[in-house]
C-alpha atoms as a PDB file:
ATOM      1  CA  MET A   1      44.122  53.878  97.800  1.00  0.00           C
ATOM      2  CA  ALA A   2      46.943  52.580  95.647  1.00  0.00           C
ATOM      3  CA  THR A   3      44.378  50.892  93.400  1.00  0.00           C
ATOM      4  CA  PHE A   4      42.702  54.225  92.838  1.00  0.00           C
ATOM      5  CA  PHE A   5      45.982  55.856  91.690  1.00  0.00           C
ATOM      6  CA  ILE A   6      46.722  52.940  89.375  1.00  0.00           C
ATOM      7  CA  PHE A   7      43.212  53.303  87.893  1.00  0.00           C
ATOM      8  CA  VAL A   8      43.678  57.080  87.355  1.00  0.00           C
ATOM      9  CA  GLU A   9      47.158  56.552  85.870  1.00  0.00           C
ATOM     10  CA  ASN A  10      45.804  53.881  83.469  1.00  0.00           C
ATOM     11  CA  SER A  11      42.894  56.164  82.498  1.00  0.00           C
ATOM     12  CA  ILE A  12      45.257  59.039  81.713  1.00  0.00           C
ATOM     13  CA  PHE A  13      47.476  56.677  79.687  1.00  0.00           C
ATOM     14  CA  MET A  14      44.442  55.380  77.728  1.00  0.00           C
ATOM     15  CA  CYS A  15      43.122  58.900  77.069  1.00  0.00           C
ATOM     16  CA  ARG A  16      46.568  60.001  75.863  1.00  0.00           C
ATOM     17  CA  ASN A  17      46.731  56.969  73.531  1.00  0.00           C
ATOM     18  CA  ARG A  18      43.238  57.651  72.195  1.00  0.00           C
ATOM     19  CA  PHE A  19      44.163  61.269  71.576  1.00  0.00           C
ATOM     20  CA  LEU A  20      47.346  60.238  69.758  1.00  0.00           C
ATOM     21  CA  LEU A  21      45.362  57.680  67.736  1.00  0.00           C
ATOM     22  CA  PHE A  22      42.856  60.408  66.848  1.00  0.00           C
ATOM     23  CA  LEU A  23      45.635  62.790  65.719  1.00  0.00           C
ATOM     24  CA  VAL A  24      47.361  60.136  63.608  1.00  0.00           C
ATOM     25  CA  SER A  25      44.051  59.045  62.041  1.00  0.00           C
ATOM     26  CA  THR A  26      43.093  62.623  61.211  1.00  0.00           C
ATOM     27  CA  PHE A  27      46.494  63.273  59.648  1.00  0.00           C
ATOM     28  CA  LEU A  28      46.256  60.128  57.526  1.00  0.00           C
ATOM     29  CA  ILE A  29      42.744  60.931  56.326  1.00  0.00           C
ATOM     30  CA  VAL A  30      43.711  64.480  55.338  1.00  0.00           C
ATOM     31  CA  ALA A  31      46.943  63.355  53.683  1.00  0.00           C
ATOM     32  CA  LEU A  32      45.307  60.526  51.740  1.00  0.00           C
ATOM     33  CA  SER A  33      42.320  62.572  50.622  1.00  0.00           C
ATOM     34  CA  SER A  34      44.521  65.374  49.281  1.00  0.00           C
ATOM     35  CA  PHE A  35      46.748  62.826  47.546  1.00  0.00           C
ATOM     36  CA  THR A  36      43.871  61.009  45.863  1.00  0.00           C
ATOM     37  CA  SER A  37      41.966  64.152  44.871  1.00  0.00           C
ATOM     38  CA  ALA A  38      45.060  65.460  43.116  1.00  0.00           C
ATOM     39  CA  SER A  39      45.397  62.263  41.129  1.00  0.00           C
ATOM     40  CA  VAL A  40      41.722  61.912  40.200  1.00  0.00           C
ATOM     41  CA  VAL A  41      40.458  63.431  36.945  1.00  0.00           C
ATOM     42  CA  LYS A  42      38.225  66.423  37.567  1.00  0.00           C
ATOM     43  CA  VAL A  43      34.597  65.699  36.780  1.00  0.00           C
ATOM     44  CA  HIS A  44      32.164  68.508  36.161  1.00  0.00           C
ATOM     45  CA  PRO A  45      28.683  68.028  37.586  1.00  0.00           C
ATOM     46  CA  TYR A  46      26.817  69.507  34.622  1.00  0.00           C
ATOM     47  CA  HIS A  47      26.735  68.353  31.025  1.00  0.00           C
ATOM     48  CA  VAL A  48      26.245  71.486  29.002  1.00  0.00           C
ATOM     49  CA  GLY A  49      27.292  72.775  25.609  1.00  0.00           C
ATOM     50  CA  SER A  50      26.383  75.658  23.351  1.00  0.00           C
ATOM     51  CA  VAL A  51      25.777  76.128  19.652  1.00  0.00           C
ATOM     52  CA  GLU A  52      25.536  79.536  17.985  1.00  0.00           C
ATOM     53  CA  PHE A  53      24.014  80.058  14.521  1.00  0.00           C
ATOM     54  CA  ASN A  54      25.051  83.523  13.359  1.00  0.00           C
ATOM     55  CA  TYR A  55      23.690  84.666   9.988  1.00  0.00           C
ATOM     56  CA  ASN A  56      26.359  86.644   8.106  1.00  0.00           C
ATOM     57  CA  SER A  57      24.610  88.997   5.672  1.00  0.00           C
ATOM     58  CA  THR A  58      27.825  89.557   3.696  1.00  0.00           C
ATOM     59  CA  SER A  59      28.528  85.889   2.928  1.00  0.00           C
ATOM     60  CA  LYS A  60      24.801  84.987   3.165  1.00  0.00           C
ATOM     61  CA  THR A  61      25.688  81.950   5.298  1.00  0.00           C
ATOM     62  CA  PHE A  62      25.186  80.835   8.863  1.00  0.00           C
ATOM     63  CA  GLU A  63      28.476  80.725  10.720  1.00  0.00           C
ATOM     64  CA  ILE A  64      28.042  78.011  13.328  1.00  0.00           C
ATOM     65  CA  THR A  65      30.143  77.536  16.448  1.00  0.00           C
ATOM     66  CA  GLY A  66      29.680  74.748  18.977  1.00  0.00           C
ATOM     67  CA  LYS A  67      31.450  74.672  22.335  1.00  0.00           C
ATOM     68  CA  PHE A  68      31.635  71.546  24.484  1.00  0.00           C
ATOM     69  CA  PHE A  69      33.719  70.151  27.328  1.00  0.00           C
ATOM     70  CA  LEU A  70      36.732  68.380  25.858  1.00  0.00           C
ATOM     71  CA  ASP A  71      36.384  65.172  27.901  1.00  0.00           C
ATOM     72  CA  ASP A  72      32.644  64.913  27.206  1.00  0.00           C
ATOM     73  CA  LEU A  73      33.195  65.208  23.459  1.00  0.00           C
ATOM     74  CA  GLU A  74      36.041  62.655  23.534  1.00  0.00           C
ATOM     75  CA  ASN A  75      33.810  60.182  25.364  1.00  0.00           C
ATOM     76  CA  ALA A  76      30.818  60.772  23.077  1.00  0.00           C
ATOM     77  CA  LEU A  77      32.966  60.193  19.971  1.00  0.00           C
ATOM     78  CA  LYS A  78      34.459  57.042  21.499  1.00  0.00           C
ATOM     79  CA  LYS A  79      31.013  55.677  22.337  1.00  0.00           C
ATOM     80  CA  LYS A  80      29.637  56.512  18.880  1.00  0.00           C
ATOM     81  CA  TYR A  81      32.535  55.276  16.743  1.00  0.00           C
ATOM     82  CA  GLY A  82      34.397  52.859  19.025  1.00  0.00           C
ATOM     83  CA  ARG A  83      37.697  54.692  18.528  1.00  0.00           C
ATOM     84  CA  THR A  84      39.755  56.319  21.256  1.00  0.00           C
ATOM     85  CA  ILE A  85      41.016  59.821  20.483  1.00  0.00           C
ATOM     86  CA  HIS A  86      42.682  62.524  22.574  1.00  0.00           C
ATOM     87  CA  PHE A  87      42.215  66.183  21.746  1.00  0.00           C
ATOM     88  CA  ASN A  88      45.473  67.271  23.337  1.00  0.00           C
ATOM     89  CA  ASP A  89      47.535  64.923  21.161  1.00  0.00           C
ATOM     90  CA  GLU A  90      48.537  66.138  17.685  1.00  0.00           C
ATOM     91  CA  LYS A  91      48.707  62.594  16.270  1.00  0.00           C
ATOM     92  CA  TYR A  92      44.888  62.323  16.519  1.00  0.00           C
ATOM     93  CA  LYS A  93      44.091  65.585  14.681  1.00  0.00           C
ATOM     94  CA  THR A  94      43.221  63.995  11.295  1.00  0.00           C
ATOM     95  CA  GLN A  95      41.147  61.294  12.976  1.00  0.00           C
ATOM     96  CA  ILE A  96      39.331  63.869  15.141  1.00  0.00           C
ATOM     97  CA  ASN A  97      38.433  65.995  12.104  1.00  0.00           C
ATOM     98  CA  GLU A  98      37.078  62.902  10.351  1.00  0.00           C
ATOM     99  CA  LEU A  99      34.974  61.847  13.369  1.00  0.00           C
ATOM    100  CA  LEU A 100      33.697  65.362  14.136  1.00  0.00           C
ATOM    101  CA  LYS A 101      32.555  65.826  10.528  1.00  0.00           C
ATOM    102  CA  LYS A 102      30.493  62.616  10.714  1.00  0.00           C
ATOM    103  CA  TYR A 103      29.224  63.481  14.192  1.00  0.00           C
ATOM    104  CA  CYS A 104      28.102  66.976  13.148  1.00  0.00           C
ATOM    105  CA  ASP A 105      26.384  65.594  10.028  1.00  0.00           C
ATOM    106  CA  GLU A 106      24.293  63.341  12.252  1.00  0.00           C
ATOM    107  CA  TYR A 107      23.618  65.513  15.300  1.00  0.00           C
ATOM    108  CA  LEU A 108      23.090  68.984  13.784  1.00  0.00           C
ATOM    109  CA  LYS A 109      20.471  70.052  11.196  1.00  0.00           C
ATOM    110  CA  LEU A 110      19.450  73.511  10.020  1.00  0.00           C
ATOM    111  CA  LYS A 111      16.492  74.831   8.020  1.00  0.00           C
ATOM    112  CA  ALA A 112      15.893  78.373   6.797  1.00  0.00           C
ATOM    113  CA  ASP A 113      12.389  79.235   5.618  1.00  0.00           C
ATOM    114  CA  ASN A 114      11.420  75.537   5.466  1.00  0.00           C
ATOM    115  CA  SER A 115      14.454  74.467   3.374  1.00  0.00           C
ATOM    116  CA  PHE A 116      17.252  72.299   4.738  1.00  0.00           C
ATOM    117  CA  LEU A 117      20.671  73.907   4.445  1.00  0.00           C
ATOM    118  CA  LYS A 118      23.798  71.900   3.759  1.00  0.00           C
ATOM    119  CA  ILE A 119      26.303  72.384   6.565  1.00  0.00           C
ATOM    120  CA  ASN A 120      30.036  72.187   5.944  1.00  0.00           C
ATOM    121  CA  TYR A 121      32.447  71.187   8.687  1.00  0.00           C
ATOM    122  CA  ILE A 122      35.330  73.695   8.890  1.00  0.00           C
ATOM    123  CA  GLY A 123      37.391  72.407  11.817  1.00  0.00           C
ATOM    124  CA  PHE A 124      37.919  72.486  15.555  1.00  0.00           C
ATOM    125  CA  GLU A 125      40.038  74.328  18.072  1.00  0.00           C
ATOM    126  CA  GLU A 126      40.950  73.390  21.633  1.00  0.00           C
ATOM    127  CA  ASP A 127      40.299  76.061  24.229  1.00  0.00           C
ATOM    128  CA  SER A 128      41.644  74.962  27.620  1.00  0.00           C
ATOM    129  CA  GLU A 129      39.103  72.362  28.835  1.00  0.00           C
ATOM    130  CA  ALA A 130      36.723  72.948  25.926  1.00  0.00           C
ATOM    131  CA  VAL A 131      36.546  72.306  22.206  1.00  0.00           C
ATOM    132  CA  ASN A 132      35.170  74.802  19.692  1.00  0.00           C
ATOM    133  CA  ILE A 133      33.708  73.287  16.534  1.00  0.00           C
ATOM    134  CA  TYR A 134      33.336  75.503  13.448  1.00  0.00           C
ATOM    135  CA  LEU A 135      30.816  74.950  10.658  1.00  0.00           C
ATOM    136  CA  GLU A 136      29.231  77.012   7.888  1.00  0.00           C
ATOM    137  CA  SER A 137      25.964  76.640   6.011  1.00  0.00           C
ATOM    138  CA  GLU A 138      25.431  76.959   2.300  1.00  0.00           C
ATOM    139  CA  THR A 139      24.252  80.389   1.137  1.00  0.00           C
ATOM    140  CA  THR A 140      20.704  81.526   1.767  1.00  0.00           C
ATOM    141  CA  ASN A 141      18.745  84.758   1.785  1.00  0.00           C
ATOM    142  CA  PRO A 142      18.110  86.348   5.179  1.00  0.00           C
ATOM    143  CA  PRO A 143      15.570  83.956   6.718  1.00  0.00           C
ATOM    144  CA  LYS A 144      12.323  84.825   8.420  1.00  0.00           C
ATOM    145  CA  LYS A 145      12.115  81.419  10.118  1.00  0.00           C
ATOM    146  CA  VAL A 146      15.044  79.329  11.362  1.00  0.00           C
ATOM    147  CA  GLU A 147      14.645  75.728  12.524  1.00  0.00           C
ATOM    148  CA  THR A 148      17.334  73.573  14.002  1.00  0.00           C
ATOM    149  CA  ALA A 149      17.824  70.121  15.453  1.00  0.00           C
ATOM    150  CA  VAL A 150      20.752  69.875  17.859  1.00  0.00           C
ATOM    151  CA  SER A 151      21.478  66.705  19.805  1.00  0.00           C
ATOM    152  CA  PHE A 152      25.203  66.937  20.531  1.00  0.00           C
ATOM    153  CA  LEU A 153      26.286  64.553  23.306  1.00  0.00           C
ATOM    154  CA  TYR A 154      22.781  63.065  23.647  1.00  0.00           C
ATOM    155  CA  ASN A 155      24.342  59.750  22.656  1.00  0.00           C
ATOM    156  CA  TYR A 156      26.469  59.896  25.820  1.00  0.00           C
ATOM    157  CA  PHE A 157      24.502  61.817  28.494  1.00  0.00           C
ATOM    158  CA  ASP A 158      20.818  61.655  29.328  1.00  0.00           C
ATOM    159  CA  ASP A 159      21.072  64.950  31.208  1.00  0.00           C
ATOM    160  CA  GLN A 160      22.823  66.951  28.458  1.00  0.00           C
ATOM    161  CA  MET A 161      21.748  70.570  28.044  1.00  0.00           C
ATOM    162  CA  ASN A 162      22.560  72.488  24.870  1.00  0.00           C
ATOM    163  CA  ILE A 163      22.130  76.248  24.846  1.00  0.00           C
ATOM    164  CA  ILE A 164      21.216  77.439  21.352  1.00  0.00           C
ATOM    165  CA  HIS A 165      21.737  80.992  20.080  1.00  0.00           C
ATOM    166  CA  ILE A 166      20.320  82.071  16.722  1.00  0.00           C
ATOM    167  CA  ILE A 167      21.317  85.490  15.407  1.00  0.00           C
ATOM    168  CA  VAL A 168      19.780  87.014  12.268  1.00  0.00           C
ATOM    169  CA  ASN A 169      20.322  90.676  11.291  1.00  0.00           C
ATOM    170  CA  GLY A 170      21.694  91.425  14.744  1.00  0.00           C
ATOM    171  CA  LYS A 171      18.630  90.029  16.538  1.00  0.00           C
ATOM    172  CA  ARG A 172      19.622  87.284  18.974  1.00  0.00           C
ATOM    173  CA  GLN A 173      17.230  84.629  20.252  1.00  0.00           C
ATOM    174  CA  SER A 174      18.397  81.965  22.692  1.00  0.00           C
ATOM    175  CA  GLU A 175      16.921  78.889  24.271  1.00  0.00           C
ATOM    176  CA  LYS A 176      18.114  75.799  26.084  1.00  0.00           C
ATOM    177  CA  LEU A 177      17.395  72.286  24.914  1.00  0.00           C
ATOM    178  CA  ASN A 178      17.421  69.574  27.556  1.00  0.00           C
ATOM    179  CA  TYR A 179      17.753  65.916  26.599  1.00  0.00           C
ATOM    180  CA  PRO A 180      15.786  64.482  24.788  1.00  0.00           C
ATOM    181  CA  ASN A 181      14.410  67.713  23.254  1.00  0.00           C
ATOM    182  CA  ARG A 182      16.410  68.592  20.143  1.00  0.00           C
ATOM    183  CA  TYR A 183      14.117  70.785  18.026  1.00  0.00           C
ATOM    184  CA  LEU A 184      13.929  74.549  18.042  1.00  0.00           C
ATOM    185  CA  TYR A 185      12.538  77.189  15.714  1.00  0.00           C
ATOM    186  CA  LYS A 186      12.593  80.936  15.851  1.00  0.00           C
ATOM    187  CA  VAL A 187      10.857  83.586  13.763  1.00  0.00           C
ATOM    188  CA  PHE A 188      12.714  86.774  12.839  1.00  0.00           C
END
């Protein structure tokens, strides 16, 4: 009979130890996961940007605005030009403008009524976790057909999606371009 009580006492002791081990393990897992997730850079699961071509009938130009995730654009520029830049650091502003101008020249084309339009880089602006890029086309008459080639961030992501908006005389037409598709035309 004494053996039975010793067995029960040992079983209770072992169960209590297992329970304590479980509690300590759970606490450590929760504590470590919250600590590491706070120190890890947030990664967004989608690679998406947008470019809007808005025809201004007063200036007779297309006002172009691109919007992309800041970290994606930094990484794409680094991969393309081999230079590290940081948007949230003022000392890189001149270098960023230089790189974005070259990048836009290569990855954005615009035609109005079958004629290529020269596009001028205006500048960029940081907007929280995004970057807005501003461009303007040379002058043109209100077009009946607009063609564009947009491949921003295709050099970095093979799942990049760019949403394109073309607005002429108040009429808006939109479409998404998924990598590797870069060409779009709309008739107005």
